[in-house]
C-alpha atoms as a PDB file:
ATOM      1  CA  MET A   1      88.584  67.090 117.920  1.00  0.00           C
ATOM      2  CA  LYS A   2      86.000  67.010 115.146  1.00  0.00           C
ATOM      3  CA  ILE A   3      85.938  69.644 112.396  1.00  0.00           C
ATOM      4  CA  LEU A   4      83.363  70.292 109.673  1.00  0.00           C
ATOM      5  CA  VAL A   5      84.690  71.724 106.393  1.00  0.00           C
ATOM      6  CA  VAL A   6      82.079  73.410 104.166  1.00  0.00           C
ATOM      7  CA  GLU A   7      83.751  74.419 100.887  1.00  0.00           C
ATOM      8  CA  ASP A   8      82.464  74.108  97.304  1.00  0.00           C
ATOM      9  CA  GLU A   9      85.906  74.040  95.673  1.00  0.00           C
ATOM     10  CA  VAL A  10      86.342  70.271  95.869  1.00  0.00           C
ATOM     11  CA  GLN A  11      90.128  70.288  95.467  1.00  0.00           C
ATOM     12  CA  LEU A  12      90.549  72.875  98.222  1.00  0.00           C
ATOM     13  CA  ALA A  13      88.032  71.148 100.494  1.00  0.00           C
ATOM     14  CA  ASP A  14      89.814  67.810 100.128  1.00  0.00           C
ATOM     15  CA  ALA A  15      93.200  69.471 100.700  1.00  0.00           C
ATOM     16  CA  LEU A  16      91.888  71.108 103.884  1.00  0.00           C
ATOM     17  CA  SER A  17      90.537  67.769 105.045  1.00  0.00           C
ATOM     18  CA  GLU A  18      93.869  66.042 104.436  1.00  0.00           C
ATOM     19  CA  ILE A  19      95.824  68.767 106.288  1.00  0.00           C
ATOM     20  CA  LEU A  20      93.518  68.530 109.289  1.00  0.00           C
ATOM     21  CA  LYS A  21      93.560  64.724 109.357  1.00  0.00           C
ATOM     22  CA  ARG A  22      97.363  64.739 109.315  1.00  0.00           C
ATOM     23  CA  ASN A  23      97.165  66.918 112.414  1.00  0.00           C
ATOM     24  CA  MET A  24      94.939  64.418 114.268  1.00  0.00           C
ATOM     25  CA  TYR A  25      91.576  66.067 113.651  1.00  0.00           C
ATOM     26  CA  SER A  26      88.520  64.059 112.701  1.00  0.00           C
ATOM     27  CA  VAL A  27      86.977  65.718 109.633  1.00  0.00           C
ATOM     28  CA  ASP A  28      83.685  65.732 107.740  1.00  0.00           C
ATOM     29  CA  THR A  29      83.647  67.519 104.376  1.00  0.00           C
ATOM     30  CA  VAL A  30      80.627  68.812 102.437  1.00  0.00           C
ATOM     31  CA  TYR A  31      80.496  70.881  99.276  1.00  0.00           C
ATOM     32  CA  ASP A  32      77.305  72.987  99.353  1.00  0.00           C
ATOM     33  CA  GLY A  33      75.344  75.157 101.732  1.00  0.00           C
ATOM     34  CA  ILE A  34      72.384  72.873 102.373  1.00  0.00           C
ATOM     35  CA  ASP A  35      74.542  69.897 103.340  1.00  0.00           C
ATOM     36  CA  GLY A  36      76.697  72.256 105.370  1.00  0.00           C
ATOM     37  CA  LEU A  37      73.731  73.465 107.400  1.00  0.00           C
ATOM     38  CA  ASP A  38      72.343  69.942 107.879  1.00  0.00           C
ATOM     39  CA  ASN A  39      75.668  68.725 109.271  1.00  0.00           C
ATOM     40  CA  ALA A  40      76.354  71.819 111.371  1.00  0.00           C
ATOM     41  CA  LEU A  41      72.923  71.673 113.044  1.00  0.00           C
ATOM     42  CA  THR A  42      73.818  68.315 114.625  1.00  0.00           C
ATOM     43  CA  GLY A  43      76.038  70.202 117.088  1.00  0.00           C
ATOM     44  CA  VAL A  44      78.633  67.398 117.178  1.00  0.00           C
ATOM     45  CA  TYR A  45      81.517  69.506 115.853  1.00  0.00           C
ATOM     46  CA  ASP A  46      84.242  71.266 117.827  1.00  0.00           C
ATOM     47  CA  GLY A  47      84.774  73.765 115.018  1.00  0.00           C
ATOM     48  CA  ILE A  48      83.493  74.638 111.530  1.00  0.00           C
ATOM     49  CA  ILE A  49      85.507  75.968 108.573  1.00  0.00           C
ATOM     50  CA  LEU A  50      82.893  77.694 106.455  1.00  0.00           C
ATOM     51  CA  ASP A  51      83.272  79.238 103.006  1.00  0.00           C
ATOM     52  CA  ILE A  52      81.079  82.279 102.355  1.00  0.00           C
ATOM     53  CA  MET A  53      80.353  81.687  98.662  1.00  0.00           C
ATOM     54  CA  LEU A  54      78.508  78.351  98.445  1.00  0.00           C
ATOM     55  CA  PRO A  55      75.882  76.788  96.146  1.00  0.00           C
ATOM     56  CA  HIS A  56      72.248  76.747  97.361  1.00  0.00           C
ATOM     57  CA  MET A  57      72.929  78.627 100.614  1.00  0.00           C
ATOM     58  CA  SER A  58      75.682  81.084 101.502  1.00  0.00           C
ATOM     59  CA  GLY A  59      77.997  80.698 104.446  1.00  0.00           C
ATOM     60  CA  ILE A  60      76.440  83.802 106.010  1.00  0.00           C
ATOM     61  CA  GLU A  61      72.976  82.209 105.805  1.00  0.00           C
ATOM     62  CA  ILE A  62      74.311  79.026 107.399  1.00  0.00           C
ATOM     63  CA  LEU A  63      75.884  81.073 110.172  1.00  0.00           C
ATOM     64  CA  LYS A  64      72.688  83.020 110.850  1.00  0.00           C
ATOM     65  CA  ASN A  65      70.685  79.779 111.025  1.00  0.00           C
ATOM     66  CA  LEU A  66      73.166  78.187 113.428  1.00  0.00           C
ATOM     67  CA  ARG A  67      73.116  81.115 115.821  1.00  0.00           C
ATOM     68  CA  LYS A  68      69.317  81.349 115.581  1.00  0.00           C
ATOM     69  CA  GLU A  69      69.122  77.684 116.647  1.00  0.00           C
ATOM     70  CA  LYS A  70      71.529  78.360 119.548  1.00  0.00           C
ATOM     71  CA  ILE A  71      74.296  76.229 117.990  1.00  0.00           C
ATOM     72  CA  ASN A  72      77.416  77.879 119.392  1.00  0.00           C
ATOM     73  CA  THR A  73      80.043  75.820 117.570  1.00  0.00           C
ATOM     74  CA  PRO A  74      83.039  78.095 116.798  1.00  0.00           C
ATOM     75  CA  VAL A  75      83.133  79.109 113.119  1.00  0.00           C
ATOM     76  CA  LEU A  76      86.094  80.140 110.956  1.00  0.00           C
ATOM     77  CA  LEU A  77      84.879  81.895 107.816  1.00  0.00           C
ATOM     78  CA  LEU A  78      86.926  81.105 104.718  1.00  0.00           C
ATOM     79  CA  THR A  79      86.608  83.295 101.646  1.00  0.00           C
ATOM     80  CA  ALA A  80      88.414  84.803  98.678  1.00  0.00           C
ATOM     81  CA  ARG A  81      86.979  88.189  99.548  1.00  0.00           C
ATOM     82  CA  SER A  82      89.281  90.560 101.381  1.00  0.00           C
ATOM     83  CA  GLU A  83      87.044  93.635 101.797  1.00  0.00           C
ATOM     84  CA  VAL A  84      86.704  94.883 105.352  1.00  0.00           C
ATOM     85  CA  GLU A  85      82.909  95.060 104.997  1.00  0.00           C
ATOM     86  CA  ASP A  86      82.682  91.317 104.359  1.00  0.00           C
ATOM     87  CA  LYS A  87      84.761  90.562 107.419  1.00  0.00           C
ATOM     88  CA  ILE A  88      82.647  92.852 109.580  1.00  0.00           C
ATOM     89  CA  ASN A  89      79.418  91.296 108.245  1.00  0.00           C
ATOM     90  CA  GLY A  90      80.634  87.770 108.948  1.00  0.00           C
ATOM     91  CA  LEU A  91      81.797  88.577 112.469  1.00  0.00           C
ATOM     92  CA  ASP A  92      78.594  90.462 113.240  1.00  0.00           C
ATOM     93  CA  CYS A  93      76.589  87.395 112.167  1.00  0.00           C
ATOM     94  CA  GLY A  94      78.345  85.229 114.722  1.00  0.00           C
ATOM     95  CA  ALA A  95      81.636  84.069 113.183  1.00  0.00           C
ATOM     96  CA  ASP A  96      84.548  83.628 115.588  1.00  0.00           C
ATOM     97  CA  ASP A  97      87.357  84.258 113.107  1.00  0.00           C
ATOM     98  CA  TYR A  98      88.017  85.004 109.462  1.00  0.00           C
ATOM     99  CA  LEU A  99      90.681  83.717 107.022  1.00  0.00           C
ATOM    100  CA  THR A 100      91.148  85.048 103.502  1.00  0.00           C
ATOM    101  CA  LYS A 101      92.188  82.779 100.613  1.00  0.00           C
ATOM    102  CA  PRO A 102      94.934  82.128  99.664  1.00  0.00           C
ATOM    103  CA  PHE A 103      96.444  81.234 103.041  1.00  0.00           C
ATOM    104  CA  VAL A 104      99.395  79.269 104.370  1.00  0.00           C
ATOM    105  CA  THR A 105      98.926  75.967 106.200  1.00  0.00           C
ATOM    106  CA  GLY A 106     100.569  77.219 109.386  1.00  0.00           C
ATOM    107  CA  GLU A 107      98.144  80.114 109.754  1.00  0.00           C
ATOM    108  CA  LEU A 108      95.150  77.870 109.062  1.00  0.00           C
ATOM    109  CA  LEU A 109      96.202  75.401 111.772  1.00  0.00           C
ATOM    110  CA  ALA A 110      96.942  78.200 114.250  1.00  0.00           C
ATOM    111  CA  ARG A 111      93.471  79.667 113.698  1.00  0.00           C
ATOM    112  CA  VAL A 112      91.830  76.245 114.051  1.00  0.00           C
ATOM    113  CA  ARG A 113      93.690  75.689 117.330  1.00  0.00           C
ATOM    114  CA  ALA A 114      92.545  79.080 118.592  1.00  0.00           C
ATOM    115  CA  LEU A 115      89.012  78.301 117.420  1.00  0.00           C
ATOM    116  CA  THR A 116      88.765  74.964 119.235  1.00  0.00           C
ATOM    117  CA  ARG A 117      90.306  76.381 122.426  1.00  0.00           C
ATOM    118  CA  ARG A 118      87.227  78.577 122.725  1.00  0.00           C
ATOM    119  CA  ARG A 119      85.179  75.422 123.157  1.00  0.00           C
ATOM    120  CA  GLY A 120      86.999  74.888 126.443  1.00  0.00           C
ATOM    121  CA  GLU A 121      87.786  71.183 126.004  1.00  0.00           C
ATOM    122  CA  VAL A 122      91.503  71.295 125.280  1.00  0.00           C
ATOM    123  CA  ILE A 123      93.895  73.424 127.328  1.00  0.00           C
ATOM    124  CA  ASP A 124      97.210  72.435 125.724  1.00  0.00           C
ATOM    125  CA  ASP A 125      97.375  72.158 121.953  1.00  0.00           C
ATOM    126  CA  ASN A 126      99.952  69.361 121.983  1.00  0.00           C
ATOM    127  CA  LYS A 127      99.384  67.509 125.254  1.00  0.00           C
ATOM    128  CA  MET A 128      96.440  66.360 127.356  1.00  0.00           C
ATOM    129  CA  SER A 129      96.623  64.384 130.574  1.00  0.00           C
ATOM    130  CA  PHE A 130      94.531  62.499 133.104  1.00  0.00           C
ATOM    131  CA  ASN A 131      95.836  61.065 136.393  1.00  0.00           C
ATOM    132  CA  GLY A 132      99.419  61.052 135.110  1.00  0.00           C
ATOM    133  CA  LEU A 133      98.609  59.531 131.714  1.00  0.00           C
ATOM    134  CA  GLU A 134      99.672  61.931 128.954  1.00  0.00           C
ATOM    135  CA  LEU A 135      98.309  62.008 125.429  1.00  0.00           C
ATOM    136  CA  ASN A 136     100.931  63.521 123.130  1.00  0.00           C
ATOM    137  CA  LYS A 137      99.709  64.886 119.815  1.00  0.00           C
ATOM    138  CA  SER A 138     103.071  65.373 118.080  1.00  0.00           C
ATOM    139  CA  LYS A 139     104.140  61.801 118.899  1.00  0.00           C
ATOM    140  CA  CYS A 140     100.635  60.328 118.511  1.00  0.00           C
ATOM    141  CA  SER A 141     101.230  58.341 121.678  1.00  0.00           C
ATOM    142  CA  ILE A 142     100.226  57.848 125.288  1.00  0.00           C
ATOM    143  CA  ILE A 143     102.933  58.278 127.931  1.00  0.00           C
ATOM    144  CA  TYR A 144     103.132  57.286 131.588  1.00  0.00           C
ATOM    145  CA  ASN A 145     106.161  57.467 133.864  1.00  0.00           C
ATOM    146  CA  GLY A 146     108.556  57.776 130.924  1.00  0.00           C
ATOM    147  CA  ASN A 147     107.048  54.868 129.001  1.00  0.00           C
ATOM    148  CA  ASP A 148     105.241  55.626 125.780  1.00  0.00           C
ATOM    149  CA  ILE A 149     103.388  53.637 123.169  1.00  0.00           C
ATOM    150  CA  LYS A 150     102.213  54.695 119.717  1.00  0.00           C
ATOM    151  CA  LEU A 151      98.548  55.003 118.827  1.00  0.00           C
ATOM    152  CA  SER A 152      96.744  54.694 115.531  1.00  0.00           C
ATOM    153  CA  LEU A 153      94.751  57.738 114.392  1.00  0.00           C
ATOM    154  CA  LYS A 154      91.410  56.300 115.575  1.00  0.00           C
ATOM    155  CA  GLU A 155      92.935  55.241 118.904  1.00  0.00           C
ATOM    156  CA  TYR A 156      94.308  58.753 119.368  1.00  0.00           C
ATOM    157  CA  GLN A 157      90.977  60.395 118.548  1.00  0.00           C
ATOM    158  CA  ILE A 158      89.030  58.146 120.939  1.00  0.00           C
ATOM    159  CA  MET A 159      91.580  58.724 123.711  1.00  0.00           C
ATOM    160  CA  GLU A 160      91.426  62.465 123.126  1.00  0.00           C
ATOM    161  CA  LEU A 161      87.645  62.377 123.469  1.00  0.00           C
ATOM    162  CA  LEU A 162      87.835  60.344 126.688  1.00  0.00           C
ATOM    163  CA  ILE A 163      90.466  62.598 128.293  1.00  0.00           C
ATOM    164  CA  ALA A 164      88.510  65.707 127.300  1.00  0.00           C
ATOM    165  CA  ASN A 165      85.522  64.271 129.179  1.00  0.00           C
ATOM    166  CA  PRO A 166      87.032  62.465 132.203  1.00  0.00           C
ATOM    167  CA  LYS A 167      84.765  60.384 134.459  1.00  0.00           C
ATOM    168  CA  GLN A 168      81.851  60.992 132.112  1.00  0.00           C
ATOM    169  CA  ILE A 169      80.074  58.200 130.268  1.00  0.00           C
ATOM    170  CA  LEU A 170      80.360  58.852 126.545  1.00  0.00           C
ATOM    171  CA  PRO A 171      77.519  57.173 124.640  1.00  0.00           C
ATOM    172  CA  LYS A 172      78.574  54.961 121.758  1.00  0.00           C
ATOM    173  CA  GLU A 173      76.467  57.087 119.401  1.00  0.00           C
ATOM    174  CA  ARG A 174      78.446  60.197 120.310  1.00  0.00           C
ATOM    175  CA  ILE A 175      81.767  58.423 119.814  1.00  0.00           C
ATOM    176  CA  ILE A 176      80.715  57.262 116.343  1.00  0.00           C
ATOM    177  CA  GLU A 177      79.519  60.759 115.383  1.00  0.00           C
ATOM    178  CA  LYS A 178      82.707  62.373 116.673  1.00  0.00           C
ATOM    179  CA  ILE A 179      85.248  59.886 115.324  1.00  0.00           C
ATOM    180  CA  TRP A 180      83.693  58.225 112.274  1.00  0.00           C
ATOM    181  CA  GLY A 181      81.323  60.941 111.136  1.00  0.00           C
ATOM    182  CA  TYR A 182      77.660  61.873 111.238  1.00  0.00           C
ATOM    183  CA  GLU A 183      76.708  59.728 108.229  1.00  0.00           C
ATOM    184  CA  SER A 184      79.133  56.890 108.929  1.00  0.00           C
ATOM    185  CA  ASN A 185      78.137  53.240 108.658  1.00  0.00           C
ATOM    186  CA  ALA A 186      80.441  52.336 111.537  1.00  0.00           C
ATOM    187  CA  GLU A 187      78.974  49.813 113.972  1.00  0.00           C
ATOM    188  CA  TYR A 188      79.344  49.598 117.738  1.00  0.00           C
ATOM    189  CA  ASN A 189      81.807  46.728 117.325  1.00  0.00           C
ATOM    190  CA  ASN A 190      84.175  49.181 115.594  1.00  0.00           C
ATOM    191  CA  ILE A 191      84.345  51.105 118.858  1.00  0.00           C
ATOM    192  CA  GLU A 192      84.742  47.928 120.899  1.00  0.00           C
ATOM    193  CA  VAL A 193      87.766  46.874 118.834  1.00  0.00           C
ATOM    194  CA  TYR A 194      89.573  50.196 119.358  1.00  0.00           C
ATOM    195  CA  ILE A 195      88.641  50.330 123.048  1.00  0.00           C
ATOM    196  CA  SER A 196      90.185  46.856 123.412  1.00  0.00           C
ATOM    197  CA  PHE A 197      93.382  48.072 121.693  1.00  0.00           C
ATOM    198  CA  LEU A 198      93.547  51.123 123.985  1.00  0.00           C
ATOM    199  CA  ARG A 199      93.032  49.058 127.130  1.00  0.00           C
ATOM    200  CA  LYS A 200      95.930  46.796 126.163  1.00  0.00           C
ATOM    201  CA  LYS A 201      98.206  49.757 125.454  1.00  0.00           C
ATOM    202  CA  ILE A 202      97.285  51.454 128.738  1.00  0.00           C
ATOM    203  CA  SER A 203      98.104  48.188 130.513  1.00  0.00           C
ATOM    204  CA  VAL A 204     101.467  47.865 128.729  1.00  0.00           C
ATOM    205  CA  ILE A 205     102.678  51.211 130.135  1.00  0.00           C
ATOM    206  CA  SER A 206     101.072  50.480 133.551  1.00  0.00           C
ATOM    207  CA  ALA A 207      99.100  53.729 133.619  1.00  0.00           C
ATOM    208  CA  PRO A 208      96.732  54.065 136.617  1.00  0.00           C
ATOM    209  CA  VAL A 209      93.611  54.664 134.524  1.00  0.00           C
ATOM    210  CA  GLN A 210      90.872  52.431 133.147  1.00  0.00           C
ATOM    211  CA  ILE A 211      88.408  52.673 130.296  1.00  0.00           C
ATOM    212  CA  LYS A 212      85.238  51.383 131.923  1.00  0.00           C
ATOM    213  CA  THR A 213      82.189  50.052 130.132  1.00  0.00           C
ATOM    214  CA  ALA A 214      78.721  51.279 130.992  1.00  0.00           C
ATOM    215  CA  ARG A 215      76.861  48.301 129.626  1.00  0.00           C
ATOM    216  CA  GLY A 216      74.500  49.205 126.813  1.00  0.00           C
ATOM    217  CA  ILE A 217      75.492  52.888 126.998  1.00  0.00           C
ATOM    218  CA  GLY A 218      79.156  53.690 126.360  1.00  0.00           C
ATOM    219  CA  TYR A 219      82.543  54.205 127.986  1.00  0.00           C
ATOM    220  CA  SER A 220      84.236  56.391 130.569  1.00  0.00           C
ATOM    221  CA  LEU A 221      87.829  57.116 131.606  1.00  0.00           C
ATOM    222  CA  GLU A 222      88.328  56.518 135.326  1.00  0.00           C
END
């Protein structure tokens, strides 16, 4: 799952990013409103954590622009303000949820899980499966018939994306945007390396699934 964090307090933004990455999310972080809008308009994110008070463009303005452009990515507004009017304004402008600073990590993660569930891609927060192959978030592993094998973070994120879109060809461009980031310099051979690792690990546990190559396009889980 890919999350965009838009927060001008650099220390807080980086802390949010680290918390999310530790919990297997792929994260892009920006620190002002204009960059936030530019990234959010790509539509590649599964959720956005958006501060209201930002340089150059407020979170509310970003939100209004996203909804005007029919970008329906779930948005969690993050702000130091606690007045009811601010919450109502944010929700009326298209936010899906609202979290007031300061907050505890557990509540943040619970709200992000609820936020991304609305996207409809992940049914279970800790486990996903396809044809008997289970992807376990807490163990960061794939499991089949009682056999499990650990995954690296990138392997986990690619497998998550494939299981969330079974039997669909995922273009290499989309995989790079989702896993490495919108402005990443990652090359297609980065994907090929991790796909090779995943194929070997799937083979080791004898799972009845394959990652197939659509030559010149991308990959699918069959």
